[in-house]
C-alpha atoms as a PDB file:
ATOM      1  CA  MET A   1     107.858  95.822 127.631  1.00  0.00           C
ATOM      2  CA  PRO A   2     108.307  93.875 130.943  1.00  0.00           C
ATOM      3  CA  THR A   3     105.648  91.135 131.593  1.00  0.00           C
ATOM      4  CA  ASN A   4     104.156  89.862 135.065  1.00  0.00           C
ATOM      5  CA  GLU A   5     104.820  86.200 136.272  1.00  0.00           C
ATOM      6  CA  GLU A   6     101.516  84.955 134.861  1.00  0.00           C
ATOM      7  CA  THR A   7     102.209  86.401 131.224  1.00  0.00           C
ATOM      8  CA  ALA A   8     105.864  85.304 131.321  1.00  0.00           C
ATOM      9  CA  GLU A   9     104.627  81.807 132.062  1.00  0.00           C
ATOM     10  CA  MET A  10     102.144  81.916 129.008  1.00  0.00           C
ATOM     11  CA  GLN A  11     105.129  82.858 126.821  1.00  0.00           C
ATOM     12  CA  THR A  12     107.320  79.861 127.777  1.00  0.00           C
ATOM     13  CA  ILE A  13     109.329  78.741 124.762  1.00  0.00           C
ATOM     14  CA  SER A  14     110.708  75.129 124.354  1.00  0.00           C
ATOM     15  CA  THR A  15     114.259  74.835 123.144  1.00  0.00           C
ATOM     16  CA  CYS A  16     116.822  71.992 122.987  1.00  0.00           C
ATOM     17  CA  LYS A  17     118.408  73.110 126.341  1.00  0.00           C
ATOM     18  CA  GLY A  18     114.848  73.155 128.098  1.00  0.00           C
ATOM     19  CA  SER A  19     111.881  75.571 128.701  1.00  0.00           C
ATOM     20  CA  TYR A  20     112.291  78.988 129.168  1.00  0.00           C
ATOM     21  CA  LYS A  21     109.890  81.911 130.264  1.00  0.00           C
ATOM     22  CA  VAL A  22     110.049  85.139 128.337  1.00  0.00           C
ATOM     23  CA  LYS A  23     109.986  88.082 130.686  1.00  0.00           C
ATOM     24  CA  ARG A  24     109.150  90.640 128.092  1.00  0.00           C
ATOM     25  CA  LEU A  25     106.215  90.967 125.764  1.00  0.00           C
ATOM     26  CA  MET A  26     107.102  89.104 122.420  1.00  0.00           C
ATOM     27  CA  PHE A  27     106.745  90.284 118.799  1.00  0.00           C
ATOM     28  CA  GLY A  28     103.961  88.020 117.248  1.00  0.00           C
ATOM     29  CA  VAL A  29     101.610  87.653 120.469  1.00  0.00           C
ATOM     30  CA  LYS A  30      98.070  88.587 119.277  1.00  0.00           C
ATOM     31  CA  VAL A  31      97.123  90.858 121.902  1.00  0.00           C
ATOM     32  CA  ALA A  32     100.681  92.333 122.014  1.00  0.00           C
ATOM     33  CA  PRO A  33      99.837  95.299 119.520  1.00  0.00           C
ATOM     34  CA  ASN A  34      96.617  96.297 121.583  1.00  0.00           C
ATOM     35  CA  ILE A  35      98.723  96.242 124.932  1.00  0.00           C
ATOM     36  CA  TRP A  36     101.433  98.425 123.366  1.00  0.00           C
ATOM     37  CA  GLN A  37      99.011 100.900 121.687  1.00  0.00           C
ATOM     38  CA  ARG A  38      97.229 101.335 124.983  1.00  0.00           C
ATOM     39  CA  TYR A  39     100.626 101.925 126.909  1.00  0.00           C
ATOM     40  CA  MET A  40     101.721 104.322 124.424  1.00  0.00           C
ATOM     41  CA  ASP A  41      98.299 106.166 124.520  1.00  0.00           C
ATOM     42  CA  GLN A  42      98.635 106.457 128.225  1.00  0.00           C
ATOM     43  CA  THR A  43     102.034 107.630 128.000  1.00  0.00           C
ATOM     44  CA  LEU A  44     101.511 110.276 125.620  1.00  0.00           C
ATOM     45  CA  GLN A  45      98.056 111.225 127.021  1.00  0.00           C
ATOM     46  CA  GLY A  46      97.371 115.114 127.211  1.00  0.00           C
ATOM     47  CA  MET A  47     100.432 116.020 125.026  1.00  0.00           C
ATOM     48  CA  GLU A  48      99.005 118.517 122.366  1.00  0.00           C
ATOM     49  CA  GLY A  49      99.714 118.060 118.757  1.00  0.00           C
ATOM     50  CA  THR A  50     100.879 114.431 119.149  1.00  0.00           C
ATOM     51  CA  ALA A  51      99.494 111.200 117.651  1.00  0.00           C
ATOM     52  CA  CYS A  52     100.775 107.558 117.699  1.00  0.00           C
ATOM     53  CA  PHE A  53     100.334 104.416 116.192  1.00  0.00           C
ATOM     54  CA  PHE A  54     102.260 101.599 117.816  1.00  0.00           C
ATOM     55  CA  ASP A  55     105.766 102.710 117.667  1.00  0.00           C
ATOM     56  CA  ASP A  56     105.359 105.697 115.113  1.00  0.00           C
ATOM     57  CA  ILE A  57     104.997 109.071 116.730  1.00  0.00           C
ATOM     58  CA  ALA A  58     103.817 112.155 114.917  1.00  0.00           C
ATOM     59  CA  LEU A  59     104.068 115.831 116.293  1.00  0.00           C
ATOM     60  CA  GLN A  60     102.617 118.984 114.624  1.00  0.00           C
ATOM     61  CA  GLY A  61     103.402 122.485 115.290  1.00  0.00           C
ATOM     62  CA  SER A  62     102.090 125.833 113.757  1.00  0.00           C
ATOM     63  CA  THR A  63     105.495 127.451 114.515  1.00  0.00           C
ATOM     64  CA  TYR A  64     108.994 126.212 114.809  1.00  0.00           C
ATOM     65  CA  ILE A  65     109.066 127.279 118.548  1.00  0.00           C
ATOM     66  CA  GLN A  66     105.833 125.469 119.300  1.00  0.00           C
ATOM     67  CA  LEU A  67     106.867 122.327 117.447  1.00  0.00           C
ATOM     68  CA  LEU A  68     110.357 122.473 119.398  1.00  0.00           C
ATOM     69  CA  GLN A  69     108.352 122.736 122.599  1.00  0.00           C
ATOM     70  CA  ARG A  70     106.229 119.713 121.818  1.00  0.00           C
ATOM     71  CA  ILE A  71     109.350 117.685 120.824  1.00  0.00           C
ATOM     72  CA  THR A  72     111.199 118.492 124.035  1.00  0.00           C
ATOM     73  CA  ALA A  73     108.155 117.720 126.065  1.00  0.00           C
ATOM     74  CA  VAL A  74     107.832 114.371 124.332  1.00  0.00           C
ATOM     75  CA  PHE A  75     111.427 113.532 124.749  1.00  0.00           C
ATOM     76  CA  LYS A  76     111.329 114.155 128.371  1.00  0.00           C
ATOM     77  CA  LYS A  77     108.177 111.996 128.793  1.00  0.00           C
ATOM     78  CA  LEU A  78     109.773 108.931 126.882  1.00  0.00           C
ATOM     79  CA  THR A  79     112.988 109.388 128.751  1.00  0.00           C
ATOM     80  CA  LYS A  80     111.025 109.286 132.044  1.00  0.00           C
ATOM     81  CA  CYS A  81     109.289 106.082 130.915  1.00  0.00           C
ATOM     82  CA  GLY A  82     112.682 104.388 129.867  1.00  0.00           C
ATOM     83  CA  LEU A  83     111.785 104.640 126.089  1.00  0.00           C
ATOM     84  CA  HIS A  84     114.377 105.119 123.496  1.00  0.00           C
ATOM     85  CA  LEU A  85     113.987 106.343 119.902  1.00  0.00           C
ATOM     86  CA  ASN A  86     116.010 105.362 116.881  1.00  0.00           C
ATOM     87  CA  LYS A  87     117.955 108.550 115.498  1.00  0.00           C
ATOM     88  CA  LYS A  88     118.084 106.916 112.079  1.00  0.00           C
ATOM     89  CA  LYS A  89     114.456 106.756 111.710  1.00  0.00           C
ATOM     90  CA  CYS A  90     113.648 109.957 113.097  1.00  0.00           C
ATOM     91  CA  GLN A  91     112.550 113.052 110.926  1.00  0.00           C
ATOM     92  CA  PHE A  92     112.467 116.542 112.482  1.00  0.00           C
ATOM     93  CA  PHE A  93     111.005 119.941 111.197  1.00  0.00           C
ATOM     94  CA  GLU A  94     109.487 118.345 108.043  1.00  0.00           C
ATOM     95  CA  ARG A  95     107.033 120.393 105.874  1.00  0.00           C
ATOM     96  CA  SER A  96     105.573 117.407 104.584  1.00  0.00           C
ATOM     97  CA  VAL A  97     105.571 113.665 105.908  1.00  0.00           C
ATOM     98  CA  THR A  98     104.354 110.337 104.909  1.00  0.00           C
ATOM     99  CA  TYR A  99     102.392 108.805 107.755  1.00  0.00           C
ATOM    100  CA  LEU A 100     100.186 105.538 107.863  1.00  0.00           C
ATOM    101  CA  GLY A 101      99.909 105.709 103.935  1.00  0.00           C
ATOM    102  CA  HIS A 102      99.162 109.289 103.791  1.00  0.00           C
ATOM    103  CA  THR A 103     100.954 112.489 102.904  1.00  0.00           C
ATOM    104  CA  ILE A 104     100.307 115.189 105.560  1.00  0.00           C
ATOM    105  CA  ASN A 105     101.165 118.816 105.095  1.00  0.00           C
ATOM    106  CA  GLU A 106      99.722 122.185 105.654  1.00  0.00           C
ATOM    107  CA  ASN A 107      97.054 121.695 103.200  1.00  0.00           C
ATOM    108  CA  GLY A 108      95.830 118.640 104.958  1.00  0.00           C
ATOM    109  CA  LEU A 109      95.643 114.727 104.302  1.00  0.00           C
ATOM    110  CA  HIS A 110      96.199 113.296 100.907  1.00  0.00           C
ATOM    111  CA  PRO A 111      96.571 109.776  99.570  1.00  0.00           C
ATOM    112  CA  THR A 112      99.994 108.901  98.725  1.00  0.00           C
ATOM    113  CA  GLN A 113     100.730 107.989  95.062  1.00  0.00           C
ATOM    114  CA  GLU A 114     101.832 104.488  96.132  1.00  0.00           C
ATOM    115  CA  LYS A 115      98.091 103.907  96.980  1.00  0.00           C
ATOM    116  CA  ILE A 116      96.602 104.845  93.396  1.00  0.00           C
ATOM    117  CA  LYS A 117      99.708 104.268  91.042  1.00  0.00           C
ATOM    118  CA  ASP A 118      98.250 100.884  90.031  1.00  0.00           C
ATOM    119  CA  ILE A 119      95.005 102.548  89.048  1.00  0.00           C
ATOM    120  CA  LYS A 120      96.573 105.417  87.159  1.00  0.00           C
ATOM    121  CA  ASN A 121      99.310 103.364  85.370  1.00  0.00           C
ATOM    122  CA  SER A 122      96.892 100.560  84.606  1.00  0.00           C
ATOM    123  CA  PRO A 123      97.149  99.869  80.590  1.00  0.00           C
ATOM    124  CA  GLN A 124      94.292 100.490  78.216  1.00  0.00           C
ATOM    125  CA  PRO A 125      92.378  97.233  77.503  1.00  0.00           C
ATOM    126  CA  THR A 126      93.507  95.628  74.063  1.00  0.00           C
ATOM    127  CA  GLU A 127      90.695  93.050  73.887  1.00  0.00           C
ATOM    128  CA  VAL A 128      87.223  92.271  75.040  1.00  0.00           C
ATOM    129  CA  SER A 129      88.187  90.122  77.989  1.00  0.00           C
ATOM    130  CA  SER A 130      90.646  92.742  79.811  1.00  0.00           C
ATOM    131  CA  LEU A 131      87.978  95.410  79.123  1.00  0.00           C
ATOM    132  CA  ARG A 132      85.183  93.129  80.907  1.00  0.00           C
ATOM    133  CA  THR A 133      87.709  92.894  83.729  1.00  0.00           C
ATOM    134  CA  PHE A 134      88.248  96.863  84.018  1.00  0.00           C
ATOM    135  CA  LEU A 135      84.268  97.328  83.662  1.00  0.00           C
ATOM    136  CA  GLY A 136      83.857  94.752  86.529  1.00  0.00           C
ATOM    137  CA  MET A 137      86.132  96.740  88.844  1.00  0.00           C
ATOM    138  CA  ILE A 138      84.460  99.994  87.960  1.00  0.00           C
ATOM    139  CA  ASN A 139      80.869  98.538  88.638  1.00  0.00           C
ATOM    140  CA  TYR A 140      81.933  97.272  91.998  1.00  0.00           C
ATOM    141  CA  TYR A 141      82.087 100.917  93.120  1.00  0.00           C
ATOM    142  CA  GLN A 142      79.229 102.079  91.058  1.00  0.00           C
ATOM    143  CA  GLN A 143      77.347 103.822  93.906  1.00  0.00           C
ATOM    144  CA  PHE A 144      80.213 106.173  94.423  1.00  0.00           C
ATOM    145  CA  ILE A 145      80.640 107.417  90.693  1.00  0.00           C
ATOM    146  CA  PRO A 146      77.882 109.681  89.477  1.00  0.00           C
ATOM    147  CA  ASN A 147      76.438 109.462  85.985  1.00  0.00           C
ATOM    148  CA  LEU A 148      78.150 106.311  85.438  1.00  0.00           C
ATOM    149  CA  ALA A 149      76.100 104.803  82.770  1.00  0.00           C
ATOM    150  CA  SER A 150      76.980 107.539  80.588  1.00  0.00           C
ATOM    151  CA  LYS A 151      80.642 107.594  81.345  1.00  0.00           C
ATOM    152  CA  LEU A 152      80.752 103.870  80.380  1.00  0.00           C
ATOM    153  CA  ASN A 153      78.618 103.951  77.206  1.00  0.00           C
ATOM    154  CA  PRO A 154      81.841 104.428  74.658  1.00  0.00           C
ATOM    155  CA  LEU A 155      83.397 101.306  76.391  1.00  0.00           C
ATOM    156  CA  TYR A 156      80.070  99.389  76.367  1.00  0.00           C
ATOM    157  CA  GLN A 157      79.890  99.837  72.533  1.00  0.00           C
ATOM    158  CA  LEU A 158      83.128  97.458  72.118  1.00  0.00           C
ATOM    159  CA  LEU A 159      81.150  94.705  73.950  1.00  0.00           C
ATOM    160  CA  LYS A 160      78.156  94.562  71.422  1.00  0.00           C
ATOM    161  CA  LYS A 161      77.696  91.596  69.491  1.00  0.00           C
ATOM    162  CA  ASP A 162      79.657  91.515  66.037  1.00  0.00           C
ATOM    163  CA  ALA A 163      81.290  94.814  67.218  1.00  0.00           C
ATOM    164  CA  VAL A 164      84.919  95.458  66.150  1.00  0.00           C
ATOM    165  CA  PHE A 165      87.295  96.268  68.984  1.00  0.00           C
ATOM    166  CA  GLN A 166      88.724  99.499  67.954  1.00  0.00           C
ATOM    167  CA  TRP A 167      89.980 101.844  70.767  1.00  0.00           C
ATOM    168  CA  SER A 168      88.712 105.315  69.813  1.00  0.00           C
ATOM    169  CA  VAL A 169      89.462 108.814  71.351  1.00  0.00           C
ATOM    170  CA  GLN A 170      86.054 108.616  73.086  1.00  0.00           C
ATOM    171  CA  CYS A 171      86.928 105.352  74.701  1.00  0.00           C
ATOM    172  CA  GLU A 172      90.402 106.543  75.988  1.00  0.00           C
ATOM    173  CA  LYS A 173      88.748 109.707  77.293  1.00  0.00           C
ATOM    174  CA  ALA A 174      86.102 107.593  79.157  1.00  0.00           C
ATOM    175  CA  PHE A 175      88.732 105.060  80.416  1.00  0.00           C
ATOM    176  CA  GLN A 176      90.999 108.129  81.982  1.00  0.00           C
ATOM    177  CA  GLU A 177      88.020 109.741  83.345  1.00  0.00           C
ATOM    178  CA  LEU A 178      87.001 106.516  85.167  1.00  0.00           C
ATOM    179  CA  LYS A 179      90.389 105.906  86.388  1.00  0.00           C
ATOM    180  CA  GLU A 180      90.406 109.578  88.046  1.00  0.00           C
ATOM    181  CA  GLU A 181      86.922 108.889  89.322  1.00  0.00           C
ATOM    182  CA  ILE A 182      88.212 105.677  91.150  1.00  0.00           C
ATOM    183  CA  CYS A 183      91.216 107.739  92.560  1.00  0.00           C
ATOM    184  CA  GLY A 184      89.061 110.737  93.907  1.00  0.00           C
ATOM    185  CA  ASP A 185      87.982 111.267  97.042  1.00  0.00           C
ATOM    186  CA  LYS A 186      84.355 110.121  96.032  1.00  0.00           C
ATOM    187  CA  VAL A 187      85.557 106.729  96.192  1.00  0.00           C
ATOM    188  CA  LEU A 188      89.020 106.419  97.835  1.00  0.00           C
ATOM    189  CA  ILE A 189      88.996 107.307 101.608  1.00  0.00           C
ATOM    190  CA  PRO A 190      91.787 107.841 104.209  1.00  0.00           C
ATOM    191  CA  PHE A 191      92.258 105.100 106.897  1.00  0.00           C
ATOM    192  CA  HIS A 192      90.183 105.582 110.099  1.00  0.00           C
ATOM    193  CA  ALA A 193      91.146 103.522 113.042  1.00  0.00           C
ATOM    194  CA  ASP A 194      87.646 103.190 114.353  1.00  0.00           C
ATOM    195  CA  LEU A 195      86.241 101.628 111.251  1.00  0.00           C
ATOM    196  CA  PRO A 196      86.096  97.960 110.242  1.00  0.00           C
ATOM    197  CA  VAL A 197      88.704  96.940 107.922  1.00  0.00           C
ATOM    198  CA  THR A 198      88.689  94.390 105.120  1.00  0.00           C
ATOM    199  CA  LEU A 199      91.378  92.941 102.769  1.00  0.00           C
ATOM    200  CA  ALA A 200      90.302  91.354  99.633  1.00  0.00           C
ATOM    201  CA  THR A 201      93.042  89.459  97.570  1.00  0.00           C
ATOM    202  CA  ASP A 202      92.890  87.371  94.365  1.00  0.00           C
ATOM    203  CA  ALA A 203      95.629  85.694  92.303  1.00  0.00           C
ATOM    204  CA  SER A 204      95.429  85.316  88.553  1.00  0.00           C
ATOM    205  CA  PRO A 205      97.839  83.259  86.419  1.00  0.00           C
ATOM    206  CA  THR A 206     100.175  86.352  85.923  1.00  0.00           C
ATOM    207  CA  GLY A 207      99.714  88.434  89.400  1.00  0.00           C
ATOM    208  CA  PHE A 208      98.387  88.888  92.773  1.00  0.00           C
ATOM    209  CA  GLY A 209      95.893  91.773  93.504  1.00  0.00           C
ATOM    210  CA  GLY A 210      94.645  93.374  96.830  1.00  0.00           C
ATOM    211  CA  VAL A 211      92.301  96.059  97.931  1.00  0.00           C
ATOM    212  CA  LEU A 212      92.125  97.279 101.252  1.00  0.00           C
ATOM    213  CA  SER A 213      89.002  98.710 102.576  1.00  0.00           C
ATOM    214  CA  HIS A 214      86.634 100.104 105.229  1.00  0.00           C
ATOM    215  CA  ILE A 215      83.070  99.071 105.746  1.00  0.00           C
ATOM    216  CA  MET A 216      81.171 102.218 106.477  1.00  0.00           C
ATOM    217  CA  PRO A 217      78.366 102.754 108.806  1.00  0.00           C
ATOM    218  CA  ASP A 218      75.753 102.408 105.849  1.00  0.00           C
ATOM    219  CA  LYS A 219      77.388  98.917 105.073  1.00  0.00           C
ATOM    220  CA  THR A 220      79.001 100.188 101.952  1.00  0.00           C
ATOM    221  CA  GLU A 221      82.728  99.273 101.147  1.00  0.00           C
ATOM    222  CA  ARG A 222      85.158 102.079 100.430  1.00  0.00           C
ATOM    223  CA  PRO A 223      88.652 101.288  99.382  1.00  0.00           C
ATOM    224  CA  ILE A 224      91.588 102.638 101.274  1.00  0.00           C
ATOM    225  CA  ALA A 225      94.511 101.348  99.140  1.00  0.00           C
ATOM    226  CA  PHE A 226      95.115  99.167  95.842  1.00  0.00           C
ATOM    227  CA  ALA A 227      97.969  97.132  94.990  1.00  0.00           C
ATOM    228  CA  SER A 228      99.348  94.389  92.606  1.00  0.00           C
ATOM    229  CA  ARG A 229     102.258  92.501  91.682  1.00  0.00           C
ATOM    230  CA  SER A 230     103.315  90.068  89.135  1.00  0.00           C
ATOM    231  CA  LEU A 231     104.157  86.346  89.693  1.00  0.00           C
ATOM    232  CA  THR A 232     107.728  85.165  89.954  1.00  0.00           C
ATOM    233  CA  LYS A 233     108.798  82.214  87.970  1.00  0.00           C
ATOM    234  CA  ALA A 234     108.651  79.919  90.693  1.00  0.00           C
ATOM    235  CA  GLU A 235     104.933  81.128  91.806  1.00  0.00           C
ATOM    236  CA  LYS A 236     103.607  80.602  88.182  1.00  0.00           C
ATOM    237  CA  GLY A 237     104.298  76.937  88.963  1.00  0.00           C
ATOM    238  CA  TYR A 238     102.092  77.106  91.887  1.00  0.00           C
ATOM    239  CA  SER A 239      98.446  75.442  92.024  1.00  0.00           C
ATOM    240  CA  GLN A 240      95.814  77.857  92.126  1.00  0.00           C
ATOM    241  CA  LEU A 241      95.147  77.057  95.858  1.00  0.00           C
ATOM    242  CA  ASP A 242      98.798  77.904  96.666  1.00  0.00           C
ATOM    243  CA  LYS A 243      98.495  81.133  94.384  1.00  0.00           C
ATOM    244  CA  GLU A 244      95.338  82.253  96.278  1.00  0.00           C
ATOM    245  CA  ALA A 245      97.245  81.564  99.530  1.00  0.00           C
ATOM    246  CA  ALA A 246     100.344  83.429  98.593  1.00  0.00           C
ATOM    247  CA  ALA A 247      98.371  86.454  97.510  1.00  0.00           C
ATOM    248  CA  LEU A 248      96.512  86.487 100.861  1.00  0.00           C
ATOM    249  CA  ILE A 249      99.901  86.440 102.724  1.00  0.00           C
ATOM    250  CA  TRP A 250     101.463  89.034 100.354  1.00  0.00           C
ATOM    251  CA  GLY A 251      98.332  91.215 100.958  1.00  0.00           C
ATOM    252  CA  LEU A 252      98.985  90.939 104.745  1.00  0.00           C
ATOM    253  CA  LYS A 253     102.600  91.819 104.583  1.00  0.00           C
ATOM    254  CA  LYS A 254     101.715  94.848 102.052  1.00  0.00           C
ATOM    255  CA  PHE A 255      99.210  96.318 104.313  1.00  0.00           C
ATOM    256  CA  PHE A 256     100.867  95.242 107.473  1.00  0.00           C
ATOM    257  CA  GLN A 257     100.317  98.570 109.338  1.00  0.00           C
ATOM    258  CA  TYR A 258      96.918  98.607 108.605  1.00  0.00           C
ATOM    259  CA  CYS A 259      96.016  94.921 109.493  1.00  0.00           C
ATOM    260  CA  TYR A 260      98.296  94.122 112.623  1.00  0.00           C
ATOM    261  CA  GLY A 261      96.863  94.564 115.970  1.00  0.00           C
ATOM    262  CA  ARG A 262      93.191  95.070 114.710  1.00  0.00           C
ATOM    263  CA  LYS A 263      90.210  92.779 113.711  1.00  0.00           C
ATOM    264  CA  ILE A 264      90.185  92.370 110.254  1.00  0.00           C
ATOM    265  CA  THR A 265      88.164  90.510 107.602  1.00  0.00           C
ATOM    266  CA  LEU A 266      90.103  88.651 104.735  1.00  0.00           C
ATOM    267  CA  ILE A 267      88.115  88.268 101.685  1.00  0.00           C
ATOM    268  CA  ILE A 268      88.874  85.557  99.221  1.00  0.00           C
ATOM    269  CA  ASP A 269      86.959  83.521  96.470  1.00  0.00           C
ATOM    270  CA  ASN A 270      88.622  80.141  97.061  1.00  0.00           C
ATOM    271  CA  GLN A 271      86.422  77.891  99.308  1.00  0.00           C
ATOM    272  CA  PRO A 272      88.917  75.147 100.065  1.00  0.00           C
ATOM    273  CA  LEU A 273      91.457  77.917 101.179  1.00  0.00           C
ATOM    274  CA  ALA A 274      88.772  79.315 103.343  1.00  0.00           C
ATOM    275  CA  ARG A 275      88.447  76.024 105.245  1.00  0.00           C
ATOM    276  CA  ILE A 276      91.997  75.390 105.513  1.00  0.00           C
ATOM    277  CA  LEU A 277      92.982  79.074 106.864  1.00  0.00           C
ATOM    278  CA  HIS A 278      89.656  79.274 108.916  1.00  0.00           C
ATOM    279  CA  PRO A 279      90.922  80.845 112.416  1.00  0.00           C
ATOM    280  CA  GLU A 280      88.588  78.719 114.470  1.00  0.00           C
ATOM    281  CA  LYS A 281      89.472  75.505 112.658  1.00  0.00           C
ATOM    282  CA  THR A 282      92.634  73.055 113.082  1.00  0.00           C
ATOM    283  CA  THR A 283      94.680  72.920 110.071  1.00  0.00           C
ATOM    284  CA  PRO A 284      94.268  69.630 108.448  1.00  0.00           C
ATOM    285  CA  ALA A 285      96.928  67.096 108.912  1.00  0.00           C
ATOM    286  CA  THR A 286      97.484  66.486 105.202  1.00  0.00           C
ATOM    287  CA  THR A 287      97.975  70.205 104.372  1.00  0.00           C
ATOM    288  CA  ALA A 288     101.000  71.204 102.204  1.00  0.00           C
ATOM    289  CA  ILE A 289     103.906  72.541 104.182  1.00  0.00           C
ATOM    290  CA  ARG A 290     103.630  75.851 102.527  1.00  0.00           C
ATOM    291  CA  LEU A 291     100.227  76.355 103.737  1.00  0.00           C
ATOM    292  CA  VAL A 292     101.131  75.313 107.061  1.00  0.00           C
ATOM    293  CA  HIS A 293     103.812  78.051 107.177  1.00  0.00           C
ATOM    294  CA  TYR A 294     100.960  80.508 105.872  1.00  0.00           C
ATOM    295  CA  ALA A 295      98.603  79.334 108.904  1.00  0.00           C
ATOM    296  CA  ASN A 296     101.305  79.931 111.347  1.00  0.00           C
ATOM    297  CA  PHE A 297     101.898  83.496 109.940  1.00  0.00           C
ATOM    298  CA  LEU A 298      98.125  84.089 110.190  1.00  0.00           C
ATOM    299  CA  ALA A 299      98.016  83.136 113.801  1.00  0.00           C
ATOM    300  CA  GLY A 300      99.651  86.433 114.819  1.00  0.00           C
ATOM    301  CA  PHE A 301      96.542  88.282 113.402  1.00  0.00           C
ATOM    302  CA  ASP A 302      92.932  88.714 114.593  1.00  0.00           C
ATOM    303  CA  TYR A 303      90.912  87.891 111.542  1.00  0.00           C
ATOM    304  CA  ASN A 304      88.049  86.074 110.131  1.00  0.00           C
ATOM    305  CA  ILE A 305      87.757  84.891 106.552  1.00  0.00           C
ATOM    306  CA  LYS A 306      84.731  85.791 104.306  1.00  0.00           C
ATOM    307  CA  LEU A 307      84.104  83.699 101.186  1.00  0.00           C
ATOM    308  CA  ARG A 308      82.937  85.813  98.275  1.00  0.00           C
ATOM    309  CA  LYS A 309      81.644  84.611  94.931  1.00  0.00           C
ATOM    310  CA  THR A 310      84.157  85.062  91.916  1.00  0.00           C
ATOM    311  CA  THR A 311      81.690  87.070  90.241  1.00  0.00           C
ATOM    312  CA  GLU A 312      81.595  89.374  93.053  1.00  0.00           C
ATOM    313  CA  HIS A 313      85.136  89.613  93.554  1.00  0.00           C
ATOM    314  CA  ALA A 314      86.041  92.296  90.560  1.00  0.00           C
ATOM    315  CA  ASN A 315      87.880  94.574  92.437  1.00  0.00           C
ATOM    316  CA  ALA A 316      90.742  92.331  93.542  1.00  0.00           C
ATOM    317  CA  ASP A 317      90.428  90.250  90.541  1.00  0.00           C
ATOM    318  CA  TYR A 318      91.235  93.397  88.458  1.00  0.00           C
ATOM    319  CA  PHE A 319      94.572  94.159  90.098  1.00  0.00           C
ATOM    320  CA  SER A 320      95.616  90.552  90.007  1.00  0.00           C
ATOM    321  CA  ARG A 321      95.451  90.749  86.024  1.00  0.00           C
ATOM    322  CA  LEU A 322      97.529  94.111  85.778  1.00  0.00           C
ATOM    323  CA  ASN A 323     100.791  92.458  85.455  1.00  0.00           C
ATOM    324  CA  LYS A 324     100.989  90.528  82.153  1.00  0.00           C
ATOM    325  CA  ASP A 325     104.419  91.300  80.736  1.00  0.00           C
ATOM    326  CA  THR A 326     106.558  91.348  83.776  1.00  0.00           C
ATOM    327  CA  THR A 327     107.874  88.523  86.235  1.00  0.00           C
ATOM    328  CA  GLY A 328     108.300  89.195  89.947  1.00  0.00           C
ATOM    329  CA  THR A 329     107.811  92.846  90.005  1.00  0.00           C
ATOM    330  CA  GLU A 330     105.685  94.885  92.468  1.00  0.00           C
ATOM    331  CA  LYS A 331     103.567  97.670  91.393  1.00  0.00           C
ATOM    332  CA  THR A 332     103.460  99.488  94.807  1.00  0.00           C
ATOM    333  CA  PRO A 333     106.651  99.511  96.850  1.00  0.00           C
END
């Protein structure tokens, strides 16, 4: 997108051959996503059956002829504005598409399996500590699960003093039912562009975990998607501060399409990291180079950081502990 003289001046870059003004809007400028989204909204304004999110355009039609007409109209509009499409990335006349993390078909909007597979594939707890971690995550969303106390009863029996940890049929049934509850529409919700977005991340000795959520009008927190991955061999040697920072950057890259170009709240439970990466504070001169790189990456986002007590960080904590037997693998592609 061409820029005016004032904007080009602000985008000046310094090189070994001198300083140069950039005459087109650069990727990575904090306000660029909002400018581009506004431009695309204006370009496609009034075109029926058309939705656009940054550079992703989706068209819908009830019949083949109607869809063809709408595609033709959009092509003409884009050509008139000097915009080009990448043919390799285009899909035409599909009965089902994945768009912004959801599967859309004739029956409506559905969460993709990638968003919930970490829950559905989570292994059964094998000892008290892993059971407590699972129960902490469930209780985090307790207001959305009806009759939760009765559903949790078989699992809480295993936490009683002097109780033998024996996983019964009743425990397995309760475990599977609770996973289904978390993945159901009473808890998980689709992404809404007009609702505040939060990203909670955490790091354990074995993995990263992240939960993308909306803050609802009643101030409750509803999850949009879950993700986790195990640490690489190198990452296992990081300090806890570096692990927490790496988990935060991984979460932003994982949910980039939801976080970039909008105001987001990053939720962590590490106070020193919250100070180092605070958007309104200068990175300390003695900060390790890895954290400086992370801070530079974060500069492209419009964010604020919220510090949460570890005891209240159960949702992200659970997903960071899902990967104990693998190294460097990601649970959601």
